Amino acid sequence: MNRPLVSLTLCLLVAQLSACTAYEAYRKCGFAGCPGDKEIAAQIEAALRATPGISFWDIQVQSLDHVVYLYGLVDTNPERAHVEEVASRVSGGLKIVDSIAVRASIGR
């Protein structure tokens, strides 16, 4: 048997297996989300509800693939920043996507 050809075949096989393993490590959890997503969202919602000065009922929190999404309306930019700060602190450094709008700036 041709020794270099066998070595090359083995190297290619190992490279393909390594690539598949790397892909698996970065695969998203899917539409159902990752384990713990619901708990993260619930913790952030509870913290927002307990924070004075935040109109919690106008804000929605969703966590998907360990990314926190904030939606809704607030009255001022400082309130928006405060909501994001509370969510960041509670989530333990997870990525926060802030899609909160300020009421005064809608329609301008």
N, C-alpha and C. Protein backbone atom coordinates (compact mmCIF):
# COMPACT_ATOMS: atom_id res chain seq x y z
N MET A 1 0.84 -1.18 0.00
CA MET A 1 0.00 0.00 0.00
C MET A 1 0.89 1.24 0.00
N ASN A 2 0.43 2.27 -0.63
CA ASN A 2 1.18 3.51 -0.75
C ASN A 2 1.09 4.28 0.57
N ARG A 3 2.19 4.32 1.29
CA ARG A 3 2.22 4.92 2.63
C ARG A 3 1.84 6.42 2.63
N PRO A 4 2.37 7.26 1.72
CA PRO A 4 1.96 8.67 1.72
C PRO A 4 0.46 8.85 1.45
N LEU A 5 -0.11 8.00 0.61
CA LEU A 5 -1.53 8.11 0.32
C LEU A 5 -2.37 7.78 1.55
N VAL A 6 -1.96 6.77 2.29
CA VAL A 6 -2.67 6.40 3.52
C VAL A 6 -2.55 7.53 4.54
N SER A 7 -1.39 8.12 4.68
CA SER A 7 -1.19 9.23 5.61
C SER A 7 -2.06 10.42 5.23
N LEU A 8 -2.09 10.73 3.95
CA LEU A 8 -2.89 11.84 3.47
C LEU A 8 -4.38 11.59 3.73
N THR A 9 -4.84 10.38 3.48
CA THR A 9 -6.24 10.02 3.72
C THR A 9 -6.59 10.16 5.19
N LEU A 10 -5.71 9.69 6.06
CA LEU A 10 -5.94 9.81 7.50
C LEU A 10 -5.97 11.27 7.93
N CYS A 11 -5.07 12.07 7.40
CA CYS A 11 -5.06 13.50 7.74
C CYS A 11 -6.35 14.18 7.32
N LEU A 12 -6.83 13.87 6.13
CA LEU A 12 -8.08 14.46 5.65
C LEU A 12 -9.26 14.02 6.51
N LEU A 13 -9.29 12.78 6.90
CA LEU A 13 -10.36 12.26 7.75
C LEU A 13 -10.36 12.96 9.10
N VAL A 14 -9.19 13.12 9.69
CA VAL A 14 -9.09 13.81 10.99
C VAL A 14 -9.52 15.26 10.84
N ALA A 15 -9.13 15.92 9.76
CA ALA A 15 -9.52 17.31 9.54
C ALA A 15 -11.03 17.45 9.41
N GLN A 16 -11.66 16.52 8.69
CA GLN A 16 -13.12 16.57 8.54
C GLN A 16 -13.81 16.34 9.87
N LEU A 17 -13.34 15.41 10.66
CA LEU A 17 -13.95 15.15 11.97
C LEU A 17 -13.78 16.35 12.88
N SER A 18 -12.63 16.99 12.83
CA SER A 18 -12.39 18.17 13.66
C SER A 18 -13.32 19.30 13.25
N ALA A 19 -13.51 19.48 11.96
CA ALA A 19 -14.40 20.53 11.48
C ALA A 19 -15.83 20.28 11.94
N CYS A 20 -16.28 19.04 11.92
CA CYS A 20 -17.63 18.71 12.38
C CYS A 20 -17.77 18.98 13.86
N THR A 21 -16.76 18.67 14.63
CA THR A 21 -16.80 18.92 16.06
C THR A 21 -16.87 20.41 16.34
N ALA A 22 -16.10 21.20 15.61
CA ALA A 22 -16.12 22.65 15.79
C ALA A 22 -17.50 23.20 15.43
N TYR A 23 -18.11 22.67 14.38
CA TYR A 23 -19.44 23.11 13.99
C TYR A 23 -20.45 22.82 15.09
N GLU A 24 -20.37 21.66 15.67
CA GLU A 24 -21.30 21.28 16.75
C GLU A 24 -21.18 22.23 17.93
N ALA A 25 -19.98 22.70 18.23
CA ALA A 25 -19.78 23.58 19.38
C ALA A 25 -20.47 24.92 19.19
N TYR A 26 -20.64 25.37 17.95
CA TYR A 26 -21.22 26.68 17.69
C TYR A 26 -22.65 26.62 17.18
N ARG A 27 -23.25 25.45 17.15
CA ARG A 27 -24.61 25.29 16.67
C ARG A 27 -25.58 25.95 17.65
N LYS A 28 -26.56 26.66 17.13
CA LYS A 28 -27.57 27.30 17.96
C LYS A 28 -28.54 26.24 18.49
N CYS A 29 -29.26 26.61 19.53
CA CYS A 29 -30.19 25.67 20.16
C CYS A 29 -31.47 25.49 19.37
N GLY A 30 -31.83 26.42 18.52
CA GLY A 30 -33.03 26.28 17.71
C GLY A 30 -34.18 27.13 18.23
N PHE A 31 -35.36 26.91 17.65
CA PHE A 31 -36.52 27.73 17.96
C PHE A 31 -36.97 27.59 19.42
N ALA A 32 -36.70 26.48 20.03
CA ALA A 32 -37.10 26.28 21.42
C ALA A 32 -36.15 27.00 22.38
N GLY A 33 -35.00 27.42 21.90
CA GLY A 33 -34.03 28.10 22.76
C GLY A 33 -33.15 27.12 23.49
N CYS A 34 -32.20 27.67 24.21
CA CYS A 34 -31.26 26.86 24.98
C CYS A 34 -31.81 26.60 26.37
N PRO A 35 -31.34 25.53 27.01
CA PRO A 35 -31.72 25.32 28.40
C PRO A 35 -31.32 26.55 29.23
N GLY A 36 -32.24 27.02 30.03
CA GLY A 36 -31.96 28.18 30.87
C GLY A 36 -32.46 29.49 30.29
N ASP A 37 -32.86 29.52 29.02
CA ASP A 37 -33.33 30.77 28.42
C ASP A 37 -34.55 31.33 29.14
N LYS A 38 -35.52 30.49 29.45
CA LYS A 38 -36.74 30.96 30.12
C LYS A 38 -36.42 31.51 31.50
N GLU A 39 -35.49 30.87 32.20
CA GLU A 39 -35.12 31.32 33.54
C GLU A 39 -34.41 32.68 33.47
N ILE A 40 -33.56 32.87 32.47
CA ILE A 40 -32.87 34.15 32.31
C ILE A 40 -33.90 35.26 32.09
N ALA A 41 -34.84 35.04 31.19
CA ALA A 41 -35.87 36.04 30.91
C ALA A 41 -36.71 36.32 32.16
N ALA A 42 -37.07 35.29 32.89
CA ALA A 42 -37.88 35.46 34.11
C ALA A 42 -37.12 36.26 35.17
N GLN A 43 -35.83 36.01 35.32
CA GLN A 43 -35.02 36.75 36.29
C GLN A 43 -34.93 38.23 35.92
N ILE A 44 -34.76 38.51 34.63
CA ILE A 44 -34.68 39.90 34.19
C ILE A 44 -36.03 40.59 34.37
N GLU A 45 -37.11 39.90 34.03
CA GLU A 45 -38.45 40.48 34.23
C GLU A 45 -38.69 40.79 35.69
N ALA A 46 -38.30 39.89 36.58
CA ALA A 46 -38.48 40.12 38.02
C ALA A 46 -37.66 41.33 38.48
N ALA A 47 -36.44 41.44 37.99
CA ALA A 47 -35.59 42.57 38.38
C ALA A 47 -36.16 43.89 37.86
N LEU A 48 -36.69 43.89 36.64
CA LEU A 48 -37.29 45.11 36.10
C LEU A 48 -38.54 45.49 36.88
N ARG A 49 -39.34 44.50 37.22
CA ARG A 49 -40.56 44.74 37.99
C ARG A 49 -40.23 45.34 39.36
N ALA A 50 -39.11 44.93 39.94
CA ALA A 50 -38.72 45.39 41.28
C ALA A 50 -37.94 46.70 41.26
N THR A 51 -37.62 47.21 40.08
CA THR A 51 -36.81 48.42 39.99
C THR A 51 -37.71 49.65 39.86
N PRO A 52 -37.62 50.57 40.82
CA PRO A 52 -38.43 51.79 40.75
C PRO A 52 -38.05 52.63 39.52
N GLY A 53 -39.04 53.27 38.92
CA GLY A 53 -38.78 54.16 37.79
C GLY A 53 -38.81 53.50 36.44
N ILE A 54 -39.09 52.19 36.39
CA ILE A 54 -39.16 51.50 35.11
C ILE A 54 -40.61 51.07 34.88
N SER A 55 -41.16 51.46 33.73
CA SER A 55 -42.52 51.06 33.36
C SER A 55 -42.46 49.64 32.81
N PHE A 56 -42.38 48.68 33.72
CA PHE A 56 -42.15 47.29 33.32
C PHE A 56 -43.19 46.77 32.35
N TRP A 57 -44.43 47.15 32.50
CA TRP A 57 -45.50 46.55 31.71
C TRP A 57 -45.41 46.91 30.24
N ASP A 58 -44.60 47.90 29.89
CA ASP A 58 -44.42 48.27 28.49
C ASP A 58 -43.17 47.65 27.88
N ILE A 59 -42.53 46.72 28.60
CA ILE A 59 -41.28 46.10 28.14
C ILE A 59 -41.46 44.59 28.09
N GLN A 60 -41.00 43.99 26.99
CA GLN A 60 -41.00 42.53 26.86
C GLN A 60 -39.55 42.05 26.85
N VAL A 61 -39.33 40.91 27.49
CA VAL A 61 -38.00 40.32 27.58
C VAL A 61 -38.08 38.92 26.98
N GLN A 62 -37.14 38.61 26.12
CA GLN A 62 -37.04 37.27 25.54
C GLN A 62 -35.58 36.87 25.54
N SER A 63 -35.32 35.60 25.83
CA SER A 63 -33.96 35.08 25.74
C SER A 63 -33.98 33.90 24.79
N LEU A 64 -33.11 33.93 23.80
CA LEU A 64 -33.03 32.87 22.81
C LEU A 64 -31.56 32.62 22.50
N ASP A 65 -31.13 31.39 22.63
CA ASP A 65 -29.73 31.03 22.42
C ASP A 65 -28.81 31.86 23.31
N HIS A 66 -29.25 32.13 24.53
CA HIS A 66 -28.50 32.89 25.52
C HIS A 66 -28.18 34.31 25.06
N VAL A 67 -29.07 34.87 24.25
CA VAL A 67 -29.03 36.28 23.89
C VAL A 67 -30.33 36.87 24.41
N VAL A 68 -30.24 38.00 25.11
CA VAL A 68 -31.42 38.63 25.70
C VAL A 68 -31.91 39.73 24.76
N TYR A 69 -33.20 39.68 24.42
CA TYR A 69 -33.82 40.67 23.56
C TYR A 69 -34.80 41.50 24.39
N LEU A 70 -34.68 42.81 24.32
CA LEU A 70 -35.57 43.73 25.03
C LEU A 70 -36.39 44.49 24.00
N TYR A 71 -37.71 44.50 24.17
CA TYR A 71 -38.63 45.19 23.27
C TYR A 71 -39.55 46.06 24.09
N GLY A 72 -40.10 47.10 23.48
CA GLY A 72 -41.12 47.88 24.15
C GLY A 72 -40.90 49.37 24.04
N LEU A 73 -41.60 50.09 24.92
CA LEU A 73 -41.58 51.54 24.93
C LEU A 73 -41.24 52.06 26.32
N VAL A 74 -40.46 53.11 26.36
CA VAL A 74 -40.17 53.82 27.60
C VAL A 74 -40.39 55.31 27.35
N ASP A 75 -40.37 56.10 28.42
CA ASP A 75 -40.62 57.53 28.30
C ASP A 75 -39.38 58.35 27.95
N THR A 76 -38.20 57.90 28.40
CA THR A 76 -36.98 58.70 28.20
C THR A 76 -35.79 57.81 27.85
N ASN A 77 -34.75 58.43 27.29
CA ASN A 77 -33.52 57.70 27.02
C ASN A 77 -32.84 57.20 28.29
N PRO A 78 -32.83 58.01 29.39
CA PRO A 78 -32.24 57.48 30.63
C PRO A 78 -32.98 56.22 31.14
N GLU A 79 -34.30 56.18 30.98
CA GLU A 79 -35.05 54.99 31.38
C GLU A 79 -34.65 53.79 30.51
N ARG A 80 -34.48 54.03 29.23
CA ARG A 80 -34.04 52.97 28.32
C ARG A 80 -32.67 52.44 28.73
N ALA A 81 -31.74 53.34 29.04
CA ALA A 81 -30.41 52.93 29.47
C ALA A 81 -30.47 52.17 30.79
N HIS A 82 -31.37 52.59 31.67
CA HIS A 82 -31.52 51.92 32.97
C HIS A 82 -32.05 50.49 32.79
N VAL A 83 -33.00 50.32 31.88
CA VAL A 83 -33.54 48.98 31.60
C VAL A 83 -32.42 48.08 31.09
N GLU A 84 -31.63 48.58 30.16
CA GLU A 84 -30.53 47.78 29.61
C GLU A 84 -29.48 47.46 30.69
N GLU A 85 -29.21 48.42 31.56
CA GLU A 85 -28.24 48.19 32.63
C GLU A 85 -28.72 47.11 33.60
N VAL A 86 -30.00 47.15 33.97
CA VAL A 86 -30.57 46.12 34.86
C VAL A 86 -30.50 44.76 34.18
N ALA A 87 -30.88 44.69 32.92
CA ALA A 87 -30.85 43.42 32.19
C ALA A 87 -29.42 42.88 32.08
N SER A 88 -28.46 43.73 31.84
CA SER A 88 -27.06 43.30 31.74
C SER A 88 -26.55 42.76 33.06
N ARG A 89 -26.89 43.44 34.14
CA ARG A 89 -26.43 43.01 35.46
C ARG A 89 -27.03 41.65 35.83
N VAL A 90 -28.32 41.47 35.58
CA VAL A 90 -29.00 40.22 35.94
C VAL A 90 -28.55 39.06 35.05
N SER A 91 -28.32 39.33 33.77
CA SER A 91 -27.99 38.25 32.83
C SER A 91 -26.57 37.73 32.99
N GLY A 92 -25.75 38.41 33.76
CA GLY A 92 -24.40 37.92 33.98
C GLY A 92 -23.48 38.09 32.78
N GLY A 93 -23.70 39.12 31.99
CA GLY A 93 -22.81 39.39 30.88
C GLY A 93 -23.22 38.79 29.55
N LEU A 94 -24.43 38.24 29.46
CA LEU A 94 -24.91 37.76 28.17
C LEU A 94 -25.12 38.94 27.23
N LYS A 95 -25.13 38.67 25.95
CA LYS A 95 -25.35 39.72 24.97
C LYS A 95 -26.78 40.24 25.11
N ILE A 96 -26.94 41.56 25.10
CA ILE A 96 -28.24 42.20 25.19
C ILE A 96 -28.52 42.91 23.87
N VAL A 97 -29.68 42.64 23.27
CA VAL A 97 -30.11 43.34 22.07
C VAL A 97 -31.26 44.24 22.50
N ASP A 98 -31.01 45.54 22.46
CA ASP A 98 -31.96 46.53 22.95
C ASP A 98 -32.76 47.09 21.78
N SER A 99 -34.03 46.72 21.71
CA SER A 99 -34.94 47.25 20.68
C SER A 99 -36.03 48.10 21.32
N ILE A 100 -35.70 48.73 22.41
CA ILE A 100 -36.67 49.56 23.13
C ILE A 100 -36.69 50.95 22.47
N ALA A 101 -37.89 51.44 22.23
CA ALA A 101 -38.06 52.77 21.64
C ALA A 101 -38.50 53.77 22.72
N VAL A 102 -38.15 55.02 22.50
CA VAL A 102 -38.57 56.10 23.40
C VAL A 102 -39.84 56.70 22.81
N ARG A 103 -40.89 56.78 23.62
CA ARG A 103 -42.19 57.24 23.14
C ARG A 103 -42.12 58.62 22.46
N ALA A 104 -41.38 59.54 23.02
CA ALA A 104 -41.32 60.90 22.49
C ALA A 104 -40.72 60.96 21.10
N SER A 105 -39.90 59.93 20.74
CA SER A 105 -39.23 59.99 19.44
C SER A 105 -39.98 59.19 18.36
N ILE A 106 -41.09 58.56 18.69
CA ILE A 106 -41.85 57.79 17.71
C ILE A 106 -42.65 58.75 16.84
N GLY A 107 -42.54 58.56 15.53
CA GLY A 107 -43.32 59.35 14.61
C GLY A 107 -42.68 60.66 14.21
N ARG A 108 -41.46 60.91 14.60
CA ARG A 108 -40.79 62.15 14.23
C ARG A 108 -40.01 61.97 12.98
